[in-house]
Protein backbone atom coordinates (compact mmCIF):
# COMPACT_ATOMS: atom_id res chain seq x y z
CA MET A 1 -70.90 -132.13 69.35
CA LYS A 2 -67.36 -132.08 70.73
CA LYS A 3 -65.97 -128.76 71.84
CA GLU A 4 -62.41 -128.00 72.94
CA VAL A 5 -62.32 -126.33 76.33
CA ILE A 6 -59.72 -125.21 78.83
CA ILE A 7 -59.62 -127.79 81.61
CA ASP A 8 -57.01 -126.24 83.90
CA ILE A 9 -54.39 -123.47 83.99
CA LYS A 10 -51.22 -123.18 86.09
CA SER A 11 -48.27 -120.78 86.26
CA ALA A 12 -44.84 -122.42 86.53
CA ASN A 13 -41.18 -122.14 85.58
CA ILE A 14 -41.28 -124.63 82.71
CA TYR A 15 -38.42 -123.25 80.61
CA GLY A 16 -35.98 -122.83 83.50
CA ARG A 17 -35.40 -119.13 82.82
CA ASP A 18 -36.35 -117.89 86.31
CA LYS A 19 -39.61 -116.66 84.85
CA GLU A 20 -43.02 -118.26 85.00
CA GLU A 21 -44.88 -119.48 81.94
CA THR A 22 -48.61 -120.19 81.70
CA VAL A 23 -49.45 -123.88 81.28
CA ILE A 24 -52.90 -124.64 79.81
CA LEU A 25 -54.48 -128.10 79.72
CA LYS A 26 -57.11 -128.37 76.96
CA GLY A 27 -59.34 -131.17 75.74
CA ASP A 28 -62.67 -132.22 74.27
CA TYR A 29 -65.64 -133.15 76.44
CA ILE A 30 -67.43 -135.91 74.55
CA HIS A 31 -70.72 -135.07 76.28
CA GLU A 32 -71.80 -132.05 78.28
CA ASP A 33 -72.99 -134.20 81.18
CA SER A 34 -69.79 -136.25 81.35
CA ASN A 35 -66.37 -135.52 82.83
CA TYR A 36 -64.70 -137.72 80.21
CA ILE A 37 -62.12 -135.80 78.18
CA GLU A 38 -60.24 -136.77 75.03
CA ASN A 39 -57.90 -135.11 72.48
CA THR A 40 -55.97 -133.45 75.28
CA SER A 41 -53.12 -131.03 74.73
CA ILE A 42 -50.75 -128.78 76.65
CA THR A 43 -50.19 -125.18 75.61
CA ILE A 44 -47.26 -123.23 77.09
CA LYS A 45 -47.45 -119.44 76.84
CA ASP A 46 -44.52 -117.21 77.82
CA GLU A 47 -44.68 -113.61 79.03
CA GLU A 48 -44.55 -112.34 75.44
CA ASN A 49 -47.58 -114.49 74.53
CA ASN A 50 -45.56 -116.90 72.39
CA LEU A 51 -47.36 -120.25 72.26
CA GLU A 52 -46.15 -123.83 72.05
CA GLU A 53 -48.76 -126.59 71.82
CA TYR A 54 -48.21 -130.29 72.43
CA PRO A 55 -50.85 -133.00 71.85
CA LEU A 56 -51.06 -135.62 74.61
CA ASN A 57 -52.01 -139.27 74.41
CA ILE A 58 -54.30 -139.00 77.45
CA ASN A 59 -58.05 -139.65 77.65
CA GLY A 60 -60.02 -140.03 80.87
CA TYR A 61 -62.28 -138.68 83.56
CA ASN A 62 -61.66 -135.73 85.91
CA LEU A 63 -58.30 -134.74 84.43
CA LYS A 64 -56.29 -132.30 86.53
CA LEU A 65 -53.11 -130.30 85.96
CA PHE A 66 -50.31 -129.87 88.51
CA THR A 67 -46.82 -128.40 88.19
CA GLY A 68 -43.82 -128.96 90.41
CA LYS A 69 -40.22 -130.13 90.62
CA PHE A 70 -40.14 -133.87 89.95
CA SER A 71 -36.93 -134.40 87.92
CA ASN A 72 -34.69 -131.51 89.02
CA ASP A 73 -34.72 -128.37 91.16
CA LYS A 74 -34.02 -125.94 88.28
CA LYS A 75 -37.43 -125.93 86.64
CA ASP A 76 -40.95 -127.30 86.99
CA ASP A 77 -42.40 -130.42 85.40
CA ILE A 78 -46.02 -130.95 84.29
CA TYR A 79 -48.15 -133.59 86.01
CA ILE A 80 -51.50 -134.74 84.56
CA TYR A 81 -53.76 -136.88 86.76
CA GLY A 82 -57.18 -138.49 86.16
CA GLU A 83 -58.98 -141.82 86.15
CA THR A 84 -60.41 -144.33 83.70
CA GLY A 85 -63.76 -144.62 85.50
CA GLY A 86 -65.87 -147.71 86.11
CA SER A 87 -65.89 -150.12 89.04
CA SER A 88 -62.54 -151.60 87.97
CA GLY A 89 -61.03 -148.27 86.95
CA TYR A 90 -57.47 -147.20 87.58
CA ALA A 91 -55.50 -143.97 87.78
CA ILE A 92 -54.21 -142.08 84.78
CA ALA A 93 -51.00 -140.19 85.49
CA SER A 94 -48.17 -138.75 83.39
CA VAL A 95 -45.25 -136.46 84.21
CA TYR A 96 -43.72 -134.35 81.42
CA ARG A 97 -40.58 -132.25 81.29
CA TYR A 98 -39.78 -129.53 78.78
CA ASP A 99 -36.51 -129.96 76.90
CA ASN A 100 -35.47 -127.64 74.08
CA GLY A 101 -38.81 -127.38 72.31
CA GLU A 102 -40.02 -130.88 73.18
CA LEU A 103 -42.36 -132.13 75.89
CA LEU A 104 -40.92 -135.45 77.04
CA GLU A 105 -42.86 -137.98 79.09
CA GLY A 106 -40.85 -139.03 82.15
CA PHE A 107 -43.53 -141.16 83.79
CA ASN A 108 -46.65 -142.94 82.58
CA SER A 109 -48.80 -144.91 85.05
CA GLU A 110 -49.86 -147.53 82.49
CA VAL A 111 -46.29 -148.12 81.28
CA PHE A 112 -45.09 -148.36 84.90
CA SER A 113 -47.81 -150.90 85.75
CA GLU A 114 -46.67 -153.09 82.85
CA LYS A 115 -42.91 -152.69 83.31
CA TYR A 116 -42.99 -153.15 87.08
CA LYS A 117 -45.63 -155.87 87.03
CA CYS A 118 -46.29 -157.97 90.11
CA ILE A 119 -47.77 -161.45 89.98
CA SER A 120 -49.44 -163.21 92.87
CA LYS A 121 -50.58 -166.66 93.92
CA TYR A 122 -52.34 -168.26 96.86
CA LEU A 123 -50.33 -170.32 99.33
CA ASP A 124 -51.61 -172.74 101.93
CA LYS A 125 -52.33 -171.52 105.47
CA TYR A 126 -54.23 -168.39 104.35
CA THR A 127 -51.29 -166.57 102.77
CA ILE A 128 -50.45 -165.20 99.35
CA GLU A 129 -47.14 -164.67 97.59
CA VAL A 130 -46.58 -161.45 95.67
CA ASN A 131 -43.61 -161.50 93.32
CA CYS A 132 -42.53 -158.09 91.96
CA LEU A 133 -40.45 -159.14 88.98
CA ALA A 134 -38.51 -155.98 88.01
CA ALA A 135 -37.78 -155.15 91.64
CA GLU A 136 -36.69 -158.76 92.27
CA LYS A 137 -38.65 -158.80 95.49
CA ARG A 138 -40.94 -161.46 96.86
CA TYR A 139 -43.46 -160.90 99.64
CA ILE A 140 -45.65 -163.18 101.75
CA LEU A 141 -48.90 -161.69 103.06
CA ASN A 142 -51.33 -163.23 105.53
CA ILE A 143 -54.93 -162.84 104.31
CA GLU A 144 -56.85 -164.67 107.01
CA ASN A 145 -58.53 -161.37 107.98
CA ILE A 146 -60.57 -161.11 104.77
CA GLU A 147 -64.32 -161.72 104.81
CA LYS A 148 -65.09 -165.33 105.58
CA LYS A 149 -67.32 -165.82 102.53
CA TYR A 150 -64.29 -165.10 100.29
CA LEU A 151 -61.94 -167.15 102.44
CA ASN A 152 -64.23 -170.17 102.09
CA GLU A 153 -64.03 -169.90 98.28
CA ILE A 154 -60.23 -170.07 98.42
CA TYR A 155 -59.44 -172.54 101.24
CA ASN A 156 -60.94 -175.59 102.86
CA MET A 157 -61.26 -176.05 106.61
CA ASP A 158 -57.62 -177.19 106.83
CA GLY A 159 -56.27 -174.07 105.10
CA LYS A 160 -55.61 -175.89 101.82
CA ILE A 161 -56.16 -174.10 98.49
CA ILE A 162 -59.33 -175.17 96.67
CA THR A 163 -59.36 -172.63 93.82
CA ASN A 164 -57.50 -172.76 90.50
CA ASP A 165 -57.44 -168.98 90.16
CA ASP A 166 -54.70 -166.62 91.30
CA PRO A 167 -55.04 -163.17 92.85
CA ILE A 168 -54.49 -160.21 90.53
CA VAL A 169 -52.36 -157.13 91.20
CA SER A 170 -54.16 -154.23 89.55
CA TYR A 171 -52.78 -151.33 87.58
CA ILE A 172 -52.12 -148.21 89.66
CA ASN A 173 -55.42 -147.05 91.12
CA LYS A 174 -54.27 -144.13 93.26
CA ILE A 175 -51.27 -141.79 93.47
CA ASP A 176 -50.15 -139.42 96.22
CA LEU A 177 -47.42 -136.81 95.84
CA ILE A 178 -44.80 -136.66 98.59
CA VAL A 179 -41.76 -134.39 98.97
CA ASN A 180 -38.32 -135.88 99.60
CA LEU A 181 -36.93 -133.82 102.50
CA GLU A 182 -33.34 -134.28 101.31
CA ASP A 183 -33.50 -132.96 97.74
CA LYS A 184 -36.93 -131.23 97.96
CA LEU A 185 -38.09 -133.05 94.82
CA ILE A 186 -41.58 -134.55 94.50
CA ASN A 187 -41.85 -138.34 94.57
CA LEU A 188 -44.83 -140.47 93.60
CA LEU A 189 -46.46 -142.83 96.09
CA VAL A 190 -48.47 -145.25 93.97
CA TYR A 191 -51.00 -147.81 95.15
CA GLN A 192 -52.03 -151.06 93.47
CA THR A 193 -54.68 -153.34 94.95
CA ILE A 194 -54.42 -157.11 95.20
CA LYS A 195 -57.80 -158.56 94.18
CA GLY A 196 -59.03 -162.04 94.96
CA ILE A 197 -62.33 -163.66 93.97
CA ASN A 198 -63.77 -160.44 92.52
CA ASP A 199 -63.25 -156.67 92.50
CA ASN A 200 -64.81 -156.35 95.96
CA ASN A 201 -62.45 -158.92 97.47
CA ILE A 202 -59.41 -156.77 98.28
CA LEU A 203 -56.63 -158.87 99.79
CA GLY A 204 -54.05 -156.15 100.22
CA GLU A 205 -52.10 -153.39 98.57
CA VAL A 206 -48.75 -152.96 96.80
CA ASP A 207 -47.31 -149.51 97.56
CA SER A 208 -44.31 -148.06 95.73
CA VAL A 209 -42.35 -144.83 96.27
CA ILE A 210 -41.00 -143.61 92.92
CA SER A 211 -38.35 -140.98 92.22
CA LEU A 212 -38.02 -139.23 88.85
CA LYS A 213 -34.77 -137.46 89.77
CA ASP A 214 -32.40 -136.79 86.88
CA ASN A 215 -35.05 -138.04 84.43
CA GLU A 216 -34.73 -141.62 85.69
CA ILE A 217 -37.55 -143.73 87.13
CA LYS A 218 -36.29 -145.32 90.32
CA VAL A 219 -38.35 -147.30 92.83
CA LEU A 220 -37.06 -146.13 96.20
CA ASN A 221 -39.24 -148.37 98.32
CA LYS A 222 -41.86 -151.05 97.78
CA TYR A 223 -43.95 -152.77 100.40
CA ILE A 224 -47.08 -154.89 100.76
CA THR A 225 -49.82 -154.16 103.26
CA ASN A 226 -53.34 -155.13 104.21
CA LYS A 227 -55.81 -152.34 103.56
CA GLY A 228 -57.41 -152.77 106.96
CA GLU A 229 -60.88 -151.62 105.98
CA ASN A 230 -62.50 -154.71 107.45
CA ILE A 231 -61.16 -156.43 110.56
CA SER A 232 -62.04 -160.09 110.32
CA ILE A 233 -62.79 -162.77 112.85
CA SER A 234 -59.46 -164.51 112.86
CA THR A 235 -57.33 -161.51 113.83
CA ARG A 236 -59.03 -160.57 117.11
CA THR A 237 -56.44 -159.98 119.83
CA ASN A 238 -58.18 -157.21 121.71
CA ASN A 239 -60.24 -158.43 124.68
CA LEU A 240 -62.97 -155.87 124.06
CA LYS A 241 -63.41 -157.05 120.49
CA GLU A 242 -63.23 -160.68 121.57
CA ASN A 243 -66.04 -160.07 124.03
CA ILE A 244 -68.16 -158.26 121.44
CA LEU A 245 -67.46 -160.83 118.75
CA SER A 246 -68.52 -163.68 121.02
CA GLN A 247 -71.99 -162.10 121.20
CA LEU A 248 -72.39 -161.73 117.41
CA PRO A 249 -73.32 -164.37 114.80
CA LYS A 250 -70.48 -166.76 114.03
CA ASP A 251 -69.85 -165.49 110.48
CA SER A 252 -69.64 -161.80 111.55
CA THR A 253 -67.02 -159.47 110.14
CA PHE A 254 -66.45 -156.11 111.80
CA ILE A 255 -66.84 -152.89 109.80
CA ASN A 256 -64.06 -150.45 110.70
CA LEU A 257 -65.65 -147.30 112.19
CA ASN A 258 -62.36 -145.41 112.61
CA LYS A 259 -63.13 -143.13 109.65
CA PHE A 260 -66.14 -141.84 111.60
CA GLY A 261 -64.07 -140.79 114.61
CA GLY A 262 -63.81 -144.22 116.20
CA SER A 263 -60.82 -146.01 117.63
CA ASN A 264 -59.79 -149.63 117.21
CA GLY A 265 -62.68 -150.05 114.77
CA LEU A 266 -65.36 -149.11 117.34
CA ILE A 267 -66.99 -145.86 118.52
CA ASN A 268 -67.14 -145.04 122.23
CA ARG A 269 -69.57 -142.18 122.98
CA ASP A 270 -72.23 -141.29 125.49
CA ILE A 271 -75.29 -141.67 123.28
CA ASP A 272 -78.13 -141.61 125.82
CA GLY A 273 -76.80 -138.82 128.04
CA ASP A 274 -76.35 -140.85 131.23
CA GLY A 275 -72.69 -139.87 131.57
CA ASN A 276 -71.37 -143.30 130.54
CA ASP A 277 -70.06 -144.26 127.12
CA GLU A 278 -71.79 -146.78 124.91
CA ILE A 279 -69.88 -148.83 122.32
CA LEU A 280 -71.08 -148.80 118.71
CA CYS A 281 -70.07 -151.75 116.55
CA GLY A 282 -70.76 -152.20 112.83
CA TYR A 283 -70.59 -155.65 111.31
CA LYS A 284 -71.66 -157.81 108.39
CA SER A 285 -73.26 -161.21 108.66
CA ASN A 286 -74.58 -163.37 105.85
CA GLY A 287 -74.33 -160.43 103.43
CA THR A 288 -76.35 -158.04 105.65
CA GLN A 289 -75.12 -154.98 107.55
CA TYR A 290 -75.88 -154.34 111.21
CA LEU A 291 -75.19 -151.73 113.86
CA SER A 292 -75.04 -152.98 117.45
CA ILE A 293 -74.60 -151.16 120.73
CA PHE A 294 -72.90 -152.43 123.88
CA ARG A 295 -71.98 -151.08 127.31
CA GLU A 296 -69.02 -151.93 129.53
CA SER A 297 -69.95 -152.51 133.17
CA GLN A 298 -67.82 -154.06 135.91
CA ASP A 299 -65.36 -155.49 133.38
CA LYS A 300 -68.17 -157.06 131.39
CA ILE A 301 -69.37 -156.16 127.91
CA ILE A 302 -73.17 -156.08 127.91
CA TYR A 303 -75.09 -156.39 124.67
CA LEU A 304 -77.95 -153.85 124.41
CA ASP A 305 -79.53 -153.72 120.94
CA THR A 306 -79.05 -154.12 117.16
CA ILE A 307 -80.59 -152.62 114.05
CA ILE A 308 -80.51 -154.04 110.53
CA GLY A 309 -79.00 -151.84 107.82
CA GLU A 310 -79.11 -151.81 104.05
CA GLY A 311 -76.66 -151.86 101.15
CA TYR A 312 -73.05 -152.99 101.27
CA ASP A 313 -71.16 -150.38 103.32
CA ILE A 314 -71.56 -147.53 105.81
CA SER A 315 -70.97 -144.19 104.07
CA ASP A 316 -71.66 -141.87 107.04
CA LEU A 317 -71.97 -142.18 110.80
CA ILE A 318 -72.42 -138.96 112.73
CA ILE A 319 -73.46 -138.42 116.34
CA ALA A 320 -75.32 -135.14 116.92
CA LYS A 321 -78.34 -133.70 118.71
CA LEU A 322 -81.19 -133.16 116.23
CA LYS A 323 -84.26 -132.89 118.48
CA PRO A 324 -85.06 -130.53 121.38
CA LYS A 325 -85.35 -132.23 124.76
CA SER A 326 -83.42 -135.18 123.39
CA ASN A 327 -79.99 -136.72 123.78
CA ASN A 328 -77.57 -137.49 120.95
CA ASN A 329 -78.90 -139.04 117.79
CA ILE A 330 -77.05 -141.33 115.39
CA ILE A 331 -77.17 -140.27 111.75
CA ILE A 332 -76.12 -143.21 109.60
CA GLY A 333 -75.86 -143.64 105.83
CA TRP A 334 -76.12 -147.12 104.35
CA ARG A 335 -74.23 -147.23 101.06
CA ILE A 336 -76.45 -148.65 98.29
CA GLY A 337 -74.53 -147.38 95.22
CA SER A 338 -71.35 -145.59 94.28
CA ILE A 339 -72.94 -142.17 94.93
CA TRP A 340 -76.12 -143.12 96.79
CA SER A 341 -76.90 -143.90 100.41
CA VAL A 342 -80.07 -144.49 102.44
CA LEU A 343 -80.51 -142.31 105.51
CA ASP A 344 -81.29 -143.65 108.98
CA ILE A 345 -81.63 -141.52 112.13
CA LEU A 346 -81.58 -143.37 115.43
CA GLU A 347 -82.49 -142.49 118.96
CA PHE A 348 -81.05 -144.63 121.77
CA LYS A 349 -83.27 -144.61 124.82
CA GLU A 350 -83.79 -147.09 127.64
CA ASN A 351 -81.21 -149.41 126.09
CA LYS A 352 -83.10 -149.67 122.80
CA PHE A 353 -82.64 -148.22 119.32
CA ASN A 354 -85.57 -146.33 117.88
CA LYS A 355 -85.65 -145.46 114.18
CA LEU A 356 -86.93 -141.90 113.85
CA LEU A 357 -87.59 -141.88 110.10
CA LYS A 358 -90.96 -143.20 109.07
CA GLY A 359 -92.49 -143.64 105.63
CA ASP A 360 -90.55 -143.48 102.36
CA LYS A 361 -86.80 -143.96 102.36
CA ILE A 362 -84.62 -140.87 101.96
CA ASN A 363 -81.80 -141.40 99.46
CA TYR A 364 -78.91 -138.95 99.28
CA SER A 365 -75.36 -138.55 98.00
CA LYS A 366 -73.73 -136.30 100.62
CA VAL A 367 -74.77 -135.22 104.11
CA GLU A 368 -73.75 -132.30 106.30
CA ILE A 369 -74.81 -131.60 109.88
CA ILE A 370 -75.13 -127.86 110.55
CA GLU A 371 -75.75 -125.92 113.74
CA PHE A 372 -77.20 -122.56 112.71
CA GLU A 373 -76.55 -119.50 114.82
CA ASP A 374 -80.10 -118.97 116.13
CA ARG A 375 -80.43 -122.57 117.25
CA ARG A 376 -80.32 -123.19 121.00
CA SER A 377 -79.12 -126.09 123.16
CA GLY A 378 -76.80 -127.36 120.44
CA ILE A 379 -79.57 -128.54 118.12
CA SER A 380 -78.37 -129.34 114.59
CA ASP A 381 -80.06 -129.63 111.21
CA ILE A 382 -79.28 -131.83 108.22
CA ALA A 383 -78.33 -130.74 104.70
CA LEU A 384 -78.68 -133.49 102.10
CA TRP A 385 -77.05 -133.24 98.68
CA SER A 386 -78.69 -135.54 96.12
CA HIS A 387 -76.98 -136.17 92.79
CA GLU A 388 -78.78 -134.83 89.71
CA THR A 389 -76.40 -134.54 86.74
CA GLY A 390 -72.64 -134.39 86.26
CA GLU A 391 -71.32 -132.83 89.48
CA ALA A 392 -74.59 -131.05 90.26
CA TYR A 393 -76.75 -131.81 93.28
CA LYS A 394 -80.18 -130.92 94.56
CA VAL A 395 -79.71 -129.53 98.07
CA GLN A 396 -82.32 -129.55 100.82
CA ILE A 397 -82.17 -128.73 104.55
CA TYR A 398 -84.18 -130.85 107.01
CA SER A 399 -85.20 -130.16 110.63
CA PHE A 400 -87.15 -132.11 113.19
CA ARG A 401 -90.57 -130.71 113.92
CA GLY A 402 -91.90 -132.72 116.80
CA GLU A 403 -91.29 -136.35 115.89
CA ASN A 404 -91.05 -135.78 112.13
CA LEU A 405 -88.10 -134.86 109.95
CA GLU A 406 -89.36 -132.19 107.56
CA LYS A 407 -87.98 -129.93 104.86
CA THR A 408 -87.19 -126.42 106.04
CA PHE A 409 -86.34 -123.29 104.07
CA LYS A 410 -85.70 -121.14 107.14
CA TYR A 411 -81.93 -121.33 106.86
CA ASP A 412 -81.58 -121.18 103.07
CA ARG A 413 -80.02 -117.71 103.05
CA GLN A 414 -77.27 -118.84 105.41
CA TYR A 415 -76.54 -122.22 103.92
CA PHE A 416 -76.96 -121.56 100.20
CA GLU A 417 -74.07 -119.09 100.20
CA LYS A 418 -71.96 -122.23 100.59
CA VAL A 419 -73.88 -123.97 97.78
CA GLU A 420 -73.42 -120.92 95.54
CA GLU A 421 -69.66 -121.00 96.22
CA TYR A 422 -69.61 -124.70 95.31
CA TYR A 423 -71.14 -124.03 91.87
CA ARG A 424 -68.94 -121.01 91.18
CA ASN A 425 -65.85 -123.09 91.93
CA LEU A 426 -67.24 -125.97 89.86
CA ILE A 427 -67.80 -123.70 86.87
CA ASP A 428 -64.32 -122.19 87.26
CA ARG A 429 -62.80 -125.68 87.43
CA THR A 430 -64.76 -127.23 84.57
CA ARG A 431 -66.90 -125.00 82.37
CA GLU A 432 -70.18 -123.14 82.41
CA THR A 433 -72.67 -125.70 81.15
CA PRO A 434 -76.39 -124.81 81.01
CA GLN A 435 -76.94 -127.35 83.80
CA TYR A 436 -74.35 -125.92 86.18
CA LEU A 437 -75.55 -122.37 85.43
CA TYR A 438 -79.11 -123.39 86.36
CA TYR A 439 -78.00 -124.82 89.71
CA LEU A 440 -75.95 -121.68 90.36
CA ILE A 441 -79.06 -119.59 89.68
CA ASP A 442 -81.06 -121.65 92.15
CA ALA A 443 -78.34 -121.24 94.82
CA GLU A 444 -78.16 -117.48 94.22
CA TYR A 445 -81.94 -117.15 94.51
CA ARG A 446 -82.10 -119.18 97.72
CA SER A 447 -79.21 -117.24 99.26
CA GLY A 448 -81.06 -113.97 98.60
CA LYS A 449 -79.04 -112.73 95.63
CA LYS A 450 -81.95 -112.00 93.31
CA LYS A 451 -80.07 -109.57 91.08
CA GLU A 452 -77.30 -112.07 90.30
CA ALA A 453 -79.86 -114.83 89.76
CA LEU A 454 -81.86 -112.72 87.27
CA GLU A 455 -78.71 -111.79 85.35
CA ASN A 456 -77.77 -115.47 85.03
CA ILE A 457 -81.31 -116.43 83.99
CA ASN A 458 -81.07 -113.96 81.10
CA LYS A 459 -77.72 -115.49 80.18
CA ALA A 460 -79.20 -119.01 80.38
CA LEU A 461 -82.11 -118.05 78.11
CA LYS A 462 -79.65 -117.05 75.37
CA HIS A 463 -78.01 -120.47 75.35
CA PRO A 464 -78.81 -122.70 72.32
CA ARG A 465 -79.95 -125.45 74.72
CA PRO A 466 -81.33 -123.77 77.83
CA TYR A 467 -81.65 -126.00 80.88
CA PRO A 468 -84.05 -127.31 82.08
CA SER A 469 -86.24 -125.48 79.52
CA ILE A 470 -87.12 -121.98 78.34
CA GLU A 471 -90.51 -122.24 80.06
CA GLU A 472 -89.03 -123.22 83.41
CA LEU A 473 -86.41 -120.45 83.27
CA LYS A 474 -89.11 -117.89 82.47
CA ARG A 475 -91.26 -119.15 85.36
CA LEU A 476 -88.26 -118.87 87.65
CA ARG A 477 -87.52 -115.34 86.40
CA LYS A 478 -91.12 -114.31 87.09
CA ARG A 479 -91.02 -115.80 90.57
CA ILE A 480 -87.70 -114.11 91.45
CA GLY A 481 -88.81 -110.77 89.99
CA ASN A 482 -91.96 -110.58 92.11
């Protein structure tokens, strides 16, 4: 059953009277376990509690409300942002201004994508042409750095086109807000991807800076860029990378490790504690992921070892000390789904990788490395967040005991204060569903707040659909009360 809820609330000067009004974004959740919202509306309430309500033609996931000065510096505009969801999803964004009893739409991401459409086509010699019609601009982009398996579906060995398809410039899939330093108004920086053979084959990006000043949409700047997530074989100019690449399989494509603290796509760290840095390199070959380690010695790059990964991307790569009497370990997550990764923990000793996890695979959604106060010698533990329902996660801390990674509850009181805060903020941001209340109860109990947990259990038992069940809540109440 659909139920209208308050999604977000902001205070802003909407009427331009030097006073702030309350702006309320409302909508219907179609399912309690989904973040999809429809039948949205904006309610504006002044200081005398007078209400004006305006229905919106916006449906989507994870809708958010923001207010700020987009069109002029006299009063605030209303910005709604969300997403359509799905692997090929795009951004939902609209900017509204209040004008004499009307809420007027000054920007709509879907309308912009259609009006300012860009078309693209492949050219010989590993390039594409992007023609932005309304802007009357034409761009040429070199794409020879994309994965070789895609390149081979587009071009022959001589760089001639062999496909009848054209690349596609997507609708807007991301928006950043930036402030113009001259007039202090907020501009939109919108991103559109250029897709090739399929949704995973990203050739580049069309970026546009948009002004809404004086209620007029104006594209201030537009440029084309490569995303740079993968650095391919044909663009190697760095000697270090050339040396590493020459020791990898011929079809290898580097995985950029910069987002994990690396530089130039690689990670240089002393892993084995000998005082000299090793070089970590991630790459893909024949559809499989690998992590290799090298060392630089006397101007030579020496190959040391490689491990085989899983999935299609690296979601996490953290270097930390997890075991007593040990050097740094490598914690790596192999992305196997949109919110799931497989955990690997590596030890590097005597120039060889050693996988420390034995037995069943450990799947997780988020990972955090924590050094608790009573730990000595910089030893860290691992907190894994595993998706359960909606935005709720099962959280578990792991420590090494000898050679085995095992669950530990020793640090629950310290860590679950953070988990409790996460669920309180989640409930404030969305709504108090029976599911989120249950996970809040669990966090309160494990952080030592028995009184608060019992109060929320009693509240949960009164709900028409208690989660996970009346019996489980009663068992939990009995356990907490003892």
